[in-house]
Amino acid sequence: MKRGGKSPKQTPSPPNLGGLERVLGHDFNNPDLLTQALTHSSATPDRLQSNERLEFLGDRVLGLRLAGLLIESFADEDEGKLGYRFSALARAESLVRVAEDIGLGPYLILSEGEEGGGGRDNPGILADAMEAVIAALYLDGGLDVAEAFIHRHWRPLMAEDPGPPKDAKTVLQEWAQSKGLPLPDYKVIGQKGPAHAPRFTIEATLNEM
């Protein structure tokens, strides 16, 4: 290190992952895959070594297996109803619930800044890491291993709502249409939270025709 200069950012040492492997139901042939899945971009000088690329893949693996699971489980539902179910199961809130259920937070590899800012409980970080872990399961053990994990943890979520769940925006729009009203106008009136996980307050206005 040069005198007076800053030391380069170093990736923190990974935690012991034996406990996480037991929860995931898979012993990794390549533990580096699981380590990368847990590495937030803030904790490594090379973003390609973070979990961002695995997050991209995990999102697709999760989507494929959820779609197959829904087709198998709801043979009498049309595409629209399956779509509502899929959206609810694939959204960040569901990923966070599974991440919390398996105790993923303590295994995350974060920078000191993210650690101090509550990164282990940050919903955005947890959801991204959960997708990355699914990708790591897929790459190390194949689709059957990833599918087994997804079925084990998403079936209970799927069983919670007997009817196709709908988000608040869809419910409002369908109500407006049933009353012969035009679709609502939406306006962002507030924002809070960190830049990487903002939360917006939206104002919806319904006008009579």
N, C-alpha and C. Protein backbone atom coordinates (compact mmCIF):
# COMPACT_ATOMS: atom_id res chain seq x y z
N MET A 1 0.86 -1.20 0.00
CA MET A 1 0.00 0.00 0.00
C MET A 1 0.89 1.25 0.00
N LYS A 2 0.55 2.20 -0.82
CA LYS A 2 1.31 3.43 -0.85
C LYS A 2 1.01 4.26 0.39
N ARG A 3 2.06 4.98 0.87
CA ARG A 3 1.87 5.80 2.06
C ARG A 3 0.82 6.86 1.79
N GLY A 4 -0.16 6.93 2.69
CA GLY A 4 -1.22 7.93 2.54
C GLY A 4 -2.34 7.48 1.61
N GLY A 5 -2.18 6.35 0.94
CA GLY A 5 -3.22 5.89 0.04
C GLY A 5 -4.18 4.95 0.75
N LYS A 6 -5.23 4.57 0.05
CA LYS A 6 -6.22 3.66 0.60
C LYS A 6 -5.88 2.24 0.19
N SER A 7 -6.09 1.30 1.10
CA SER A 7 -5.87 -0.10 0.76
C SER A 7 -6.98 -0.56 -0.16
N PRO A 8 -6.69 -1.45 -1.12
CA PRO A 8 -7.71 -1.94 -2.02
C PRO A 8 -8.79 -2.71 -1.27
N LYS A 9 -10.00 -2.66 -1.80
CA LYS A 9 -11.11 -3.37 -1.17
C LYS A 9 -10.87 -4.86 -1.24
N GLN A 10 -10.93 -5.53 -0.10
CA GLN A 10 -10.71 -6.96 -0.04
C GLN A 10 -12.03 -7.68 0.23
N THR A 11 -12.22 -8.82 -0.42
CA THR A 11 -13.42 -9.61 -0.18
C THR A 11 -13.33 -10.26 1.19
N PRO A 12 -14.32 -10.08 2.06
CA PRO A 12 -14.28 -10.72 3.38
C PRO A 12 -14.20 -12.24 3.25
N SER A 13 -13.64 -12.88 4.26
CA SER A 13 -13.54 -14.33 4.26
C SER A 13 -14.95 -14.94 4.34
N PRO A 14 -15.19 -16.01 3.56
CA PRO A 14 -16.52 -16.63 3.60
C PRO A 14 -16.76 -17.35 4.92
N PRO A 15 -18.00 -17.43 5.36
CA PRO A 15 -18.31 -18.16 6.59
C PRO A 15 -18.26 -19.66 6.35
N ASN A 16 -18.30 -20.43 7.42
CA ASN A 16 -18.43 -21.89 7.30
C ASN A 16 -19.83 -22.19 6.76
N LEU A 17 -19.87 -22.87 5.63
CA LEU A 17 -21.15 -23.05 4.93
C LEU A 17 -21.77 -24.42 5.15
N GLY A 18 -21.20 -25.21 6.06
CA GLY A 18 -21.75 -26.55 6.30
C GLY A 18 -23.19 -26.52 6.76
N GLY A 19 -23.50 -25.59 7.65
CA GLY A 19 -24.88 -25.50 8.14
C GLY A 19 -25.84 -25.10 7.05
N LEU A 20 -25.42 -24.20 6.18
CA LEU A 20 -26.29 -23.78 5.08
C LEU A 20 -26.49 -24.91 4.09
N GLU A 21 -25.44 -25.67 3.81
CA GLU A 21 -25.59 -26.80 2.89
C GLU A 21 -26.61 -27.80 3.43
N ARG A 22 -26.62 -28.02 4.73
CA ARG A 22 -27.60 -28.95 5.31
C ARG A 22 -29.02 -28.42 5.13
N VAL A 23 -29.20 -27.14 5.32
CA VAL A 23 -30.53 -26.55 5.14
C VAL A 23 -30.96 -26.61 3.67
N LEU A 24 -30.00 -26.40 2.78
CA LEU A 24 -30.30 -26.44 1.35
C LEU A 24 -30.54 -27.86 0.86
N GLY A 25 -30.06 -28.85 1.61
CA GLY A 25 -30.23 -30.24 1.21
C GLY A 25 -29.28 -30.67 0.12
N HIS A 26 -28.10 -30.03 0.05
CA HIS A 26 -27.15 -30.35 -1.01
C HIS A 26 -25.74 -30.05 -0.56
N ASP A 27 -24.84 -31.04 -0.69
CA ASP A 27 -23.41 -30.83 -0.43
C ASP A 27 -22.74 -30.44 -1.74
N PHE A 28 -22.16 -29.27 -1.77
CA PHE A 28 -21.62 -28.71 -3.00
C PHE A 28 -20.32 -29.39 -3.40
N ASN A 29 -20.26 -29.82 -4.65
CA ASN A 29 -19.00 -30.29 -5.22
C ASN A 29 -18.05 -29.13 -5.45
N ASN A 30 -18.61 -27.96 -5.76
CA ASN A 30 -17.83 -26.74 -5.95
C ASN A 30 -18.33 -25.69 -4.97
N PRO A 31 -17.79 -25.67 -3.75
CA PRO A 31 -18.27 -24.71 -2.74
C PRO A 31 -18.11 -23.26 -3.16
N ASP A 32 -17.20 -23.00 -4.10
CA ASP A 32 -17.01 -21.62 -4.56
C ASP A 32 -18.28 -21.05 -5.17
N LEU A 33 -19.09 -21.90 -5.76
CA LEU A 33 -20.35 -21.43 -6.34
C LEU A 33 -21.26 -20.87 -5.25
N LEU A 34 -21.35 -21.59 -4.14
CA LEU A 34 -22.20 -21.13 -3.04
C LEU A 34 -21.62 -19.86 -2.42
N THR A 35 -20.30 -19.80 -2.29
CA THR A 35 -19.67 -18.59 -1.77
C THR A 35 -19.98 -17.39 -2.65
N GLN A 36 -19.89 -17.56 -3.96
CA GLN A 36 -20.19 -16.45 -4.87
C GLN A 36 -21.65 -16.04 -4.75
N ALA A 37 -22.54 -17.01 -4.59
CA ALA A 37 -23.97 -16.70 -4.47
C ALA A 37 -24.27 -15.84 -3.26
N LEU A 38 -23.41 -15.91 -2.26
CA LEU A 38 -23.62 -15.16 -1.02
C LEU A 38 -22.88 -13.83 -1.00
N THR A 39 -22.08 -13.56 -2.04
CA THR A 39 -21.22 -12.39 -2.05
C THR A 39 -21.90 -11.18 -2.69
N HIS A 40 -22.21 -10.21 -1.88
CA HIS A 40 -22.81 -8.97 -2.36
C HIS A 40 -21.77 -8.16 -3.12
N SER A 41 -22.22 -7.37 -4.07
CA SER A 41 -21.30 -6.60 -4.91
C SER A 41 -20.44 -5.63 -4.11
N SER A 42 -20.93 -5.21 -2.94
CA SER A 42 -20.17 -4.29 -2.12
C SER A 42 -18.94 -4.93 -1.49
N ALA A 43 -18.90 -6.27 -1.49
CA ALA A 43 -17.86 -6.98 -0.75
C ALA A 43 -16.71 -7.47 -1.61
N THR A 44 -16.73 -7.15 -2.90
CA THR A 44 -15.68 -7.64 -3.78
C THR A 44 -15.24 -6.54 -4.74
N PRO A 45 -13.95 -6.44 -5.05
CA PRO A 45 -13.50 -5.41 -5.99
C PRO A 45 -13.89 -5.72 -7.43
N ASP A 46 -14.33 -6.94 -7.70
CA ASP A 46 -14.71 -7.35 -9.05
C ASP A 46 -16.18 -7.77 -9.05
N ARG A 47 -17.04 -6.94 -9.63
CA ARG A 47 -18.48 -7.23 -9.62
C ARG A 47 -18.80 -8.56 -10.28
N LEU A 48 -17.95 -9.02 -11.20
CA LEU A 48 -18.19 -10.31 -11.83
C LEU A 48 -18.03 -11.47 -10.85
N GLN A 49 -17.38 -11.20 -9.73
CA GLN A 49 -17.23 -12.22 -8.69
C GLN A 49 -18.32 -12.12 -7.63
N SER A 50 -19.22 -11.16 -7.79
CA SER A 50 -20.34 -11.03 -6.86
C SER A 50 -21.46 -11.97 -7.30
N ASN A 51 -22.59 -11.90 -6.62
CA ASN A 51 -23.69 -12.80 -6.93
C ASN A 51 -24.64 -12.27 -8.00
N GLU A 52 -24.28 -11.18 -8.66
CA GLU A 52 -25.22 -10.56 -9.60
C GLU A 52 -25.52 -11.46 -10.81
N ARG A 53 -24.50 -12.09 -11.37
CA ARG A 53 -24.74 -12.95 -12.53
C ARG A 53 -25.54 -14.19 -12.12
N LEU A 54 -25.25 -14.73 -10.95
CA LEU A 54 -26.01 -15.88 -10.46
C LEU A 54 -27.45 -15.50 -10.17
N GLU A 55 -27.65 -14.30 -9.67
CA GLU A 55 -29.01 -13.80 -9.45
C GLU A 55 -29.81 -13.81 -10.75
N PHE A 56 -29.19 -13.37 -11.83
CA PHE A 56 -29.83 -13.36 -13.16
C PHE A 56 -30.26 -14.77 -13.55
N LEU A 57 -29.38 -15.74 -13.35
CA LEU A 57 -29.71 -17.12 -13.71
C LEU A 57 -30.75 -17.71 -12.78
N GLY A 58 -30.61 -17.45 -11.48
CA GLY A 58 -31.54 -18.01 -10.51
C GLY A 58 -32.97 -17.56 -10.73
N ASP A 59 -33.13 -16.33 -11.18
CA ASP A 59 -34.47 -15.82 -11.48
C ASP A 59 -35.12 -16.67 -12.56
N ARG A 60 -34.35 -17.07 -13.57
CA ARG A 60 -34.90 -17.87 -14.68
C ARG A 60 -35.17 -19.30 -14.24
N VAL A 61 -34.28 -19.87 -13.43
CA VAL A 61 -34.50 -21.23 -12.94
C VAL A 61 -35.75 -21.28 -12.06
N LEU A 62 -35.87 -20.32 -11.17
CA LEU A 62 -37.05 -20.26 -10.31
C LEU A 62 -38.32 -20.11 -11.14
N GLY A 63 -38.28 -19.23 -12.13
CA GLY A 63 -39.46 -19.03 -12.96
C GLY A 63 -39.88 -20.29 -13.69
N LEU A 64 -38.91 -21.01 -14.24
CA LEU A 64 -39.21 -22.23 -14.98
C LEU A 64 -39.86 -23.27 -14.08
N ARG A 65 -39.28 -23.50 -12.90
CA ARG A 65 -39.80 -24.54 -12.04
C ARG A 65 -41.11 -24.13 -11.39
N LEU A 66 -41.30 -22.85 -11.08
CA LEU A 66 -42.59 -22.41 -10.56
C LEU A 66 -43.68 -22.59 -11.60
N ALA A 67 -43.38 -22.26 -12.85
CA ALA A 67 -44.37 -22.43 -13.92
C ALA A 67 -44.76 -23.89 -14.04
N GLY A 68 -43.78 -24.78 -14.01
CA GLY A 68 -44.09 -26.20 -14.08
C GLY A 68 -44.89 -26.68 -12.89
N LEU A 69 -44.55 -26.19 -11.71
CA LEU A 69 -45.27 -26.58 -10.50
C LEU A 69 -46.72 -26.13 -10.56
N LEU A 70 -46.96 -24.93 -11.04
CA LEU A 70 -48.32 -24.42 -11.14
C LEU A 70 -49.14 -25.19 -12.17
N ILE A 71 -48.53 -25.51 -13.30
CA ILE A 71 -49.22 -26.30 -14.32
C ILE A 71 -49.64 -27.66 -13.76
N GLU A 72 -48.75 -28.28 -13.00
CA GLU A 72 -49.06 -29.58 -12.41
C GLU A 72 -50.12 -29.49 -11.32
N SER A 73 -50.11 -28.42 -10.55
CA SER A 73 -50.96 -28.33 -9.37
C SER A 73 -52.35 -27.77 -9.65
N PHE A 74 -52.51 -26.99 -10.73
CA PHE A 74 -53.79 -26.34 -11.00
C PHE A 74 -54.21 -26.61 -12.44
N ALA A 75 -54.54 -27.86 -12.70
CA ALA A 75 -54.86 -28.29 -14.06
C ALA A 75 -56.14 -27.66 -14.59
N ASP A 76 -56.99 -27.13 -13.70
CA ASP A 76 -58.27 -26.58 -14.14
C ASP A 76 -58.26 -25.05 -14.24
N GLU A 77 -57.09 -24.43 -14.09
CA GLU A 77 -57.03 -22.97 -14.15
C GLU A 77 -56.45 -22.50 -15.48
N ASP A 78 -56.99 -21.36 -15.96
CA ASP A 78 -56.50 -20.82 -17.23
C ASP A 78 -55.22 -20.01 -17.02
N GLU A 79 -54.69 -19.50 -18.12
CA GLU A 79 -53.42 -18.79 -18.08
C GLU A 79 -53.46 -17.57 -17.16
N GLY A 80 -54.58 -16.84 -17.18
CA GLY A 80 -54.68 -15.64 -16.36
C GLY A 80 -54.54 -15.94 -14.88
N LYS A 81 -55.25 -16.97 -14.40
CA LYS A 81 -55.18 -17.32 -12.99
C LYS A 81 -53.80 -17.85 -12.62
N LEU A 82 -53.21 -18.64 -13.51
CA LEU A 82 -51.86 -19.13 -13.26
C LEU A 82 -50.88 -17.96 -13.18
N GLY A 83 -51.12 -16.95 -14.01
CA GLY A 83 -50.25 -15.78 -14.01
C GLY A 83 -50.29 -15.04 -12.69
N TYR A 84 -51.49 -14.92 -12.09
CA TYR A 84 -51.60 -14.27 -10.78
C TYR A 84 -50.81 -15.05 -9.73
N ARG A 85 -50.96 -16.36 -9.77
CA ARG A 85 -50.25 -17.19 -8.80
C ARG A 85 -48.73 -17.07 -8.99
N PHE A 86 -48.31 -17.10 -10.24
CA PHE A 86 -46.88 -17.01 -10.54
C PHE A 86 -46.30 -15.70 -10.03
N SER A 87 -46.99 -14.60 -10.29
CA SER A 87 -46.48 -13.29 -9.86
C SER A 87 -46.31 -13.23 -8.35
N ALA A 88 -47.26 -13.81 -7.62
CA ALA A 88 -47.18 -13.79 -6.16
C ALA A 88 -46.02 -14.63 -5.64
N LEU A 89 -45.78 -15.77 -6.29
CA LEU A 89 -44.75 -16.68 -5.82
C LEU A 89 -43.34 -16.23 -6.21
N ALA A 90 -43.23 -15.53 -7.33
CA ALA A 90 -41.91 -15.14 -7.83
C ALA A 90 -41.47 -13.76 -7.35
N ARG A 91 -42.34 -13.02 -6.70
CA ARG A 91 -41.99 -11.65 -6.30
C ARG A 91 -40.98 -11.66 -5.16
N ALA A 92 -40.39 -10.51 -4.93
CA ALA A 92 -39.31 -10.39 -3.95
C ALA A 92 -39.77 -10.79 -2.55
N GLU A 93 -41.02 -10.48 -2.20
CA GLU A 93 -41.50 -10.80 -0.85
C GLU A 93 -41.44 -12.30 -0.57
N SER A 94 -41.76 -13.11 -1.59
CA SER A 94 -41.70 -14.56 -1.41
C SER A 94 -40.26 -15.04 -1.28
N LEU A 95 -39.36 -14.46 -2.08
CA LEU A 95 -37.95 -14.80 -1.97
C LEU A 95 -37.40 -14.47 -0.58
N VAL A 96 -37.80 -13.33 -0.04
CA VAL A 96 -37.35 -12.92 1.29
C VAL A 96 -37.87 -13.89 2.35
N ARG A 97 -39.11 -14.30 2.22
CA ARG A 97 -39.67 -15.24 3.20
C ARG A 97 -38.88 -16.55 3.22
N VAL A 98 -38.55 -17.07 2.04
CA VAL A 98 -37.77 -18.30 1.99
C VAL A 98 -36.37 -18.07 2.55
N ALA A 99 -35.75 -16.94 2.18
CA ALA A 99 -34.42 -16.62 2.71
C ALA A 99 -34.43 -16.57 4.23
N GLU A 100 -35.47 -15.98 4.80
CA GLU A 100 -35.57 -15.90 6.26
C GLU A 100 -35.83 -17.28 6.86
N ASP A 101 -36.64 -18.09 6.19
CA ASP A 101 -36.96 -19.42 6.69
C ASP A 101 -35.71 -20.30 6.79
N ILE A 102 -34.80 -20.16 5.84
CA ILE A 102 -33.59 -20.99 5.86
C ILE A 102 -32.43 -20.32 6.59
N GLY A 103 -32.66 -19.12 7.12
CA GLY A 103 -31.62 -18.41 7.86
C GLY A 103 -30.45 -17.98 7.00
N LEU A 104 -30.75 -17.37 5.85
CA LEU A 104 -29.70 -17.02 4.89
C LEU A 104 -28.87 -15.81 5.34
N GLY A 105 -29.49 -14.89 6.06
CA GLY A 105 -28.84 -13.63 6.41
C GLY A 105 -27.45 -13.76 7.02
N PRO A 106 -27.24 -14.61 8.03
CA PRO A 106 -25.93 -14.70 8.66
C PRO A 106 -24.82 -15.19 7.73
N TYR A 107 -25.17 -15.80 6.62
CA TYR A 107 -24.17 -16.33 5.70
C TYR A 107 -23.76 -15.33 4.62
N LEU A 108 -24.46 -14.22 4.52
CA LEU A 108 -24.16 -13.25 3.47
C LEU A 108 -22.77 -12.66 3.67
N ILE A 109 -22.08 -12.41 2.55
CA ILE A 109 -20.77 -11.80 2.57
C ILE A 109 -20.93 -10.35 2.12
N LEU A 110 -20.78 -9.43 3.07
CA LEU A 110 -21.08 -8.02 2.85
C LEU A 110 -19.87 -7.15 3.18
N SER A 111 -19.87 -5.95 2.61
CA SER A 111 -18.87 -4.97 3.01
C SER A 111 -19.19 -4.48 4.42
N GLU A 112 -18.22 -3.81 5.03
CA GLU A 112 -18.46 -3.26 6.37
C GLU A 112 -19.61 -2.25 6.33
N GLY A 113 -19.68 -1.47 5.24
CA GLY A 113 -20.75 -0.49 5.13
C GLY A 113 -22.12 -1.12 5.09
N GLU A 114 -22.28 -2.15 4.26
CA GLU A 114 -23.56 -2.84 4.18
C GLU A 114 -23.89 -3.56 5.49
N GLU A 115 -22.85 -4.13 6.09
CA GLU A 115 -23.05 -4.81 7.38
C GLU A 115 -23.57 -3.82 8.42
N GLY A 116 -22.93 -2.67 8.49
CA GLY A 116 -23.34 -1.67 9.46
C GLY A 116 -24.69 -1.06 9.17
N GLY A 117 -25.09 -1.09 7.89
CA GLY A 117 -26.38 -0.54 7.51
C GLY A 117 -27.54 -1.52 7.56
N GLY A 118 -27.30 -2.67 8.18
CA GLY A 118 -28.37 -3.64 8.32
C GLY A 118 -28.58 -4.50 7.09
N GLY A 119 -27.52 -4.71 6.32
CA GLY A 119 -27.64 -5.45 5.07
C GLY A 119 -28.14 -6.87 5.22
N ARG A 120 -27.86 -7.50 6.35
CA ARG A 120 -28.29 -8.89 6.52
C ARG A 120 -29.81 -9.02 6.62
N ASP A 121 -30.47 -7.93 6.95
CA ASP A 121 -31.93 -7.93 7.03
C ASP A 121 -32.57 -7.14 5.89
N ASN A 122 -31.74 -6.68 4.95
CA ASN A 122 -32.26 -5.87 3.85
C ASN A 122 -33.03 -6.76 2.87
N PRO A 123 -34.32 -6.50 2.65
CA PRO A 123 -35.12 -7.37 1.77
C PRO A 123 -34.56 -7.51 0.37
N GLY A 124 -34.04 -6.40 -0.20
CA GLY A 124 -33.49 -6.47 -1.54
C GLY A 124 -32.28 -7.37 -1.62
N ILE A 125 -31.38 -7.26 -0.64
CA ILE A 125 -30.17 -8.08 -0.62
C ILE A 125 -30.53 -9.55 -0.40
N LEU A 126 -31.48 -9.81 0.49
CA LEU A 126 -31.90 -11.19 0.75
C LEU A 126 -32.55 -11.82 -0.47
N ALA A 127 -33.41 -11.08 -1.15
CA ALA A 127 -34.10 -11.62 -2.33
C ALA A 127 -33.10 -11.93 -3.43
N ASP A 128 -32.15 -11.03 -3.66
CA ASP A 128 -31.14 -11.26 -4.70
C ASP A 128 -30.28 -12.47 -4.36
N ALA A 129 -29.86 -12.58 -3.10
CA ALA A 129 -29.03 -13.70 -2.70
C ALA A 129 -29.78 -15.02 -2.80
N MET A 130 -31.08 -15.00 -2.52
CA MET A 130 -31.86 -16.23 -2.62
C MET A 130 -31.92 -16.72 -4.06
N GLU A 131 -32.09 -15.81 -5.00
CA GLU A 131 -32.06 -16.20 -6.41
C GLU A 131 -30.69 -16.74 -6.80
N ALA A 132 -29.64 -16.11 -6.28
CA ALA A 132 -28.28 -16.56 -6.60
C ALA A 132 -28.02 -17.95 -6.04
N VAL A 133 -28.53 -18.24 -4.85
CA VAL A 133 -28.36 -19.56 -4.26
C VAL A 133 -29.07 -20.62 -5.10
N ILE A 134 -30.25 -20.29 -5.61
CA ILE A 134 -30.96 -21.23 -6.49
C ILE A 134 -30.12 -21.52 -7.73
N ALA A 135 -29.49 -20.49 -8.27
CA ALA A 135 -28.61 -20.70 -9.44
C ALA A 135 -27.43 -21.58 -9.07
N ALA A 136 -26.86 -21.38 -7.89
CA ALA A 136 -25.73 -22.20 -7.46
C ALA A 136 -26.14 -23.66 -7.31
N LEU A 137 -27.31 -23.90 -6.77
CA LEU A 137 -27.83 -25.28 -6.67
C LEU A 137 -27.97 -25.89 -8.06
N TYR A 138 -28.48 -25.11 -9.00
CA TYR A 138 -28.66 -25.60 -10.36
C TYR A 138 -27.32 -25.91 -11.04
N LEU A 139 -26.37 -25.01 -10.92
CA LEU A 139 -25.08 -25.21 -11.58
C LEU A 139 -24.30 -26.36 -10.97
N ASP A 140 -24.42 -26.56 -9.66
CA ASP A 140 -23.63 -27.58 -8.99
C ASP A 140 -24.30 -28.95 -9.02
N GLY A 141 -25.62 -28.96 -8.90
CA GLY A 141 -26.32 -30.25 -8.78
C GLY A 141 -27.29 -30.57 -9.89
N GLY A 142 -27.53 -29.60 -10.77
CA GLY A 142 -28.47 -29.85 -11.85
C GLY A 142 -29.89 -29.38 -11.53
N LEU A 143 -30.75 -29.49 -12.51
CA LEU A 143 -32.11 -28.97 -12.37
C LEU A 143 -32.89 -29.72 -11.29
N ASP A 144 -32.65 -31.01 -11.14
CA ASP A 144 -33.39 -31.78 -10.13
C ASP A 144 -33.11 -31.27 -8.72
N VAL A 145 -31.87 -30.90 -8.45
CA VAL A 145 -31.52 -30.40 -7.11
C VAL A 145 -32.18 -29.04 -6.87
N ALA A 146 -32.10 -28.17 -7.85
CA ALA A 146 -32.74 -26.86 -7.72
C ALA A 146 -34.26 -27.02 -7.58
N GLU A 147 -34.83 -27.90 -8.37
CA GLU A 147 -36.28 -28.12 -8.32
C GLU A 147 -36.72 -28.65 -6.97
N ALA A 148 -35.95 -29.57 -6.39
CA ALA A 148 -36.31 -30.12 -5.09
C ALA A 148 -36.35 -29.01 -4.03
N PHE A 149 -35.37 -28.11 -4.07
CA PHE A 149 -35.37 -27.00 -3.11
C PHE A 149 -36.57 -26.09 -3.33
N ILE A 150 -36.84 -25.75 -4.58
CA ILE A 150 -37.95 -24.86 -4.89
C ILE A 150 -39.27 -25.48 -4.46
N HIS A 151 -39.50 -26.74 -4.79
CA HIS A 151 -40.75 -27.39 -4.40
C HIS A 151 -40.89 -27.43 -2.88
N ARG A 152 -39.79 -27.70 -2.18
CA ARG A 152 -39.85 -27.84 -0.72
C ARG A 152 -40.24 -26.53 -0.05
N HIS A 153 -39.79 -25.41 -0.61
CA HIS A 153 -40.01 -24.13 0.07
C HIS A 153 -41.11 -23.28 -0.55
N TRP A 154 -41.47 -23.53 -1.79
CA TRP A 154 -42.53 -22.72 -2.40
C TRP A 154 -43.90 -23.39 -2.35
N ARG A 155 -43.95 -24.71 -2.19
CA ARG A 155 -45.26 -25.35 -2.06
C ARG A 155 -46.05 -24.81 -0.86
N PRO A 156 -45.43 -24.63 0.31
CA PRO A 156 -46.20 -24.06 1.43
C PRO A 156 -46.72 -22.65 1.12
N LEU A 157 -45.95 -21.84 0.42
CA LEU A 157 -46.43 -20.52 0.05
C LEU A 157 -47.61 -20.63 -0.91
N MET A 158 -47.52 -21.57 -1.83
CA MET A 158 -48.58 -21.77 -2.81
C MET A 158 -49.88 -22.20 -2.14
N ALA A 159 -49.77 -22.95 -1.04
CA ALA A 159 -50.95 -23.49 -0.37
C ALA A 159 -51.63 -22.47 0.53
N GLU A 160 -50.99 -21.34 0.78
CA GLU A 160 -51.56 -20.36 1.71
C GLU A 160 -52.82 -19.69 1.17
N ASP A 161 -52.90 -19.53 -0.13
CA ASP A 161 -54.04 -18.82 -0.73
C ASP A 161 -54.74 -19.76 -1.71
N PRO A 162 -55.94 -20.25 -1.35
CA PRO A 162 -56.63 -21.19 -2.23
C PRO A 162 -57.03 -20.59 -3.57
N GLY A 163 -57.25 -19.30 -3.61
CA GLY A 163 -57.61 -18.63 -4.86
C GLY A 163 -56.41 -17.94 -5.46
N PRO A 164 -56.44 -17.68 -6.76
CA PRO A 164 -55.32 -16.96 -7.38
C PRO A 164 -55.13 -15.59 -6.76
N PRO A 165 -54.01 -15.32 -6.10
CA PRO A 165 -53.81 -14.02 -5.45
C PRO A 165 -53.60 -12.91 -6.47
N LYS A 166 -54.07 -11.73 -6.12
CA LYS A 166 -53.92 -10.58 -7.00
C LYS A 166 -53.27 -9.44 -6.23
N ASP A 167 -52.40 -8.69 -6.90
CA ASP A 167 -51.79 -7.55 -6.25
C ASP A 167 -52.79 -6.41 -6.17
N ALA A 168 -52.48 -5.41 -5.35
CA ALA A 168 -53.41 -4.31 -5.10
C ALA A 168 -53.75 -3.54 -6.38
N LYS A 169 -52.78 -3.36 -7.25
CA LYS A 169 -53.01 -2.63 -8.49
C LYS A 169 -54.03 -3.35 -9.36
N THR A 170 -53.89 -4.67 -9.47
CA THR A 170 -54.83 -5.45 -10.29
C THR A 170 -56.23 -5.40 -9.70
N VAL A 171 -56.33 -5.52 -8.37
CA VAL A 171 -57.64 -5.46 -7.71
C VAL A 171 -58.32 -4.13 -7.98
N LEU A 172 -57.57 -3.03 -7.86
CA LEU A 172 -58.14 -1.70 -8.09
C LEU A 172 -58.60 -1.54 -9.54
N GLN A 173 -57.77 -1.98 -10.48
CA GLN A 173 -58.13 -1.83 -11.89
C GLN A 173 -59.35 -2.66 -12.26
N GLU A 174 -59.44 -3.86 -11.73
CA GLU A 174 -60.61 -4.70 -12.02
C GLU A 174 -61.87 -4.10 -11.40
N TRP A 175 -61.74 -3.52 -10.21
CA TRP A 175 -62.91 -2.87 -9.58
C TRP A 175 -63.37 -1.69 -10.43
N ALA A 176 -62.40 -0.88 -10.89
CA ALA A 176 -62.75 0.27 -11.71
C ALA A 176 -63.46 -0.16 -12.99
N GLN A 177 -62.97 -1.19 -13.63
CA GLN A 177 -63.59 -1.67 -14.86
C GLN A 177 -64.99 -2.21 -14.61
N SER A 178 -65.18 -2.84 -13.45
CA SER A 178 -66.51 -3.37 -13.12
C SER A 178 -67.53 -2.27 -12.92
N LYS A 179 -67.05 -1.07 -12.56
CA LYS A 179 -67.92 0.08 -12.35
C LYS A 179 -68.03 0.96 -13.60
N GLY A 180 -67.42 0.52 -14.68
CA GLY A 180 -67.47 1.30 -15.91
C GLY A 180 -66.58 2.52 -15.88
N LEU A 181 -65.56 2.52 -15.02
CA LEU A 181 -64.66 3.67 -14.90
C LEU A 181 -63.39 3.43 -15.71
N PRO A 182 -62.72 4.50 -16.12
CA PRO A 182 -61.43 4.33 -16.82
C PRO A 182 -60.37 3.82 -15.85
N LEU A 183 -59.26 3.36 -16.38
CA LEU A 183 -58.18 2.90 -15.52
C LEU A 183 -57.62 4.04 -14.69
N PRO A 184 -57.16 3.77 -13.48
CA PRO A 184 -56.64 4.83 -12.62
C PRO A 184 -55.40 5.50 -13.21
N ASP A 185 -55.18 6.74 -12.79
CA ASP A 185 -53.93 7.44 -13.07
C ASP A 185 -53.01 7.27 -11.85
N TYR A 186 -51.74 7.03 -12.11
CA TYR A 186 -50.80 6.79 -11.02
C TYR A 186 -49.74 7.89 -11.00
N LYS A 187 -49.37 8.30 -9.78
CA LYS A 187 -48.37 9.35 -9.61
C LYS A 187 -47.50 9.04 -8.40
N VAL A 188 -46.18 9.11 -8.58
CA VAL A 188 -45.27 8.91 -7.46
C VAL A 188 -45.26 10.17 -6.60
N ILE A 189 -45.60 10.03 -5.31
CA ILE A 189 -45.66 11.19 -4.44
C ILE A 189 -44.64 11.11 -3.30
N GLY A 190 -43.92 10.00 -3.23
CA GLY A 190 -42.92 9.89 -2.17
C GLY A 190 -41.95 8.74 -2.42
N GLN A 191 -40.76 8.86 -1.86
CA GLN A 191 -39.76 7.81 -1.97
C GLN A 191 -38.91 7.82 -0.72
N LYS A 192 -38.61 6.64 -0.20
CA LYS A 192 -37.73 6.54 0.96
C LYS A 192 -36.91 5.25 0.85
N GLY A 193 -35.94 5.13 1.71
CA GLY A 193 -35.08 3.96 1.67
C GLY A 193 -33.82 4.22 0.87
N PRO A 194 -32.86 3.28 0.94
CA PRO A 194 -31.58 3.45 0.23
C PRO A 194 -31.75 3.35 -1.27
N ALA A 195 -30.75 3.82 -2.01
CA ALA A 195 -30.84 3.85 -3.47
C ALA A 195 -30.98 2.46 -4.07
N HIS A 196 -30.36 1.45 -3.42
CA HIS A 196 -30.41 0.10 -3.99
C HIS A 196 -31.71 -0.62 -3.65
N ALA A 197 -32.52 -0.07 -2.75
CA ALA A 197 -33.79 -0.71 -2.41
C ALA A 197 -34.83 0.35 -2.04
N PRO A 198 -35.17 1.22 -3.00
CA PRO A 198 -36.11 2.30 -2.69
C PRO A 198 -37.53 1.79 -2.51
N ARG A 199 -38.31 2.53 -1.75
CA ARG A 199 -39.74 2.24 -1.57
C ARG A 199 -40.51 3.50 -1.96
N PHE A 200 -41.48 3.30 -2.83
CA PHE A 200 -42.22 4.44 -3.38
C PHE A 200 -43.63 4.48 -2.81
N THR A 201 -44.14 5.68 -2.64
CA THR A 201 -45.55 5.90 -2.31
C THR A 201 -46.24 6.39 -3.58
N ILE A 202 -47.28 5.65 -3.99
CA ILE A 202 -47.96 5.94 -5.24
C ILE A 202 -49.38 6.42 -4.96
N GLU A 203 -49.76 7.49 -5.61
CA GLU A 203 -51.14 8.01 -5.51
C GLU A 203 -51.92 7.54 -6.74
N ALA A 204 -53.06 6.91 -6.49
CA ALA A 204 -53.93 6.45 -7.58
C ALA A 204 -55.18 7.30 -7.60
N THR A 205 -55.53 7.82 -8.79
CA THR A 205 -56.70 8.69 -8.94
C THR A 205 -57.66 8.07 -9.94
N LEU A 206 -58.94 7.99 -9.53
CA LEU A 206 -59.99 7.50 -10.42
C LEU A 206 -60.89 8.65 -10.81
N ASN A 207 -61.06 8.84 -12.10
CA ASN A 207 -61.91 9.92 -12.60
C ASN A 207 -63.13 9.33 -13.31
N GLU A 208 -64.28 9.93 -13.08
CA GLU A 208 -65.47 9.48 -13.77
C GLU A 208 -65.40 9.85 -15.23
N MET A 209 -66.00 9.02 -16.07
CA MET A 209 -66.00 9.28 -17.51
C MET A 209 -66.96 10.39 -17.86
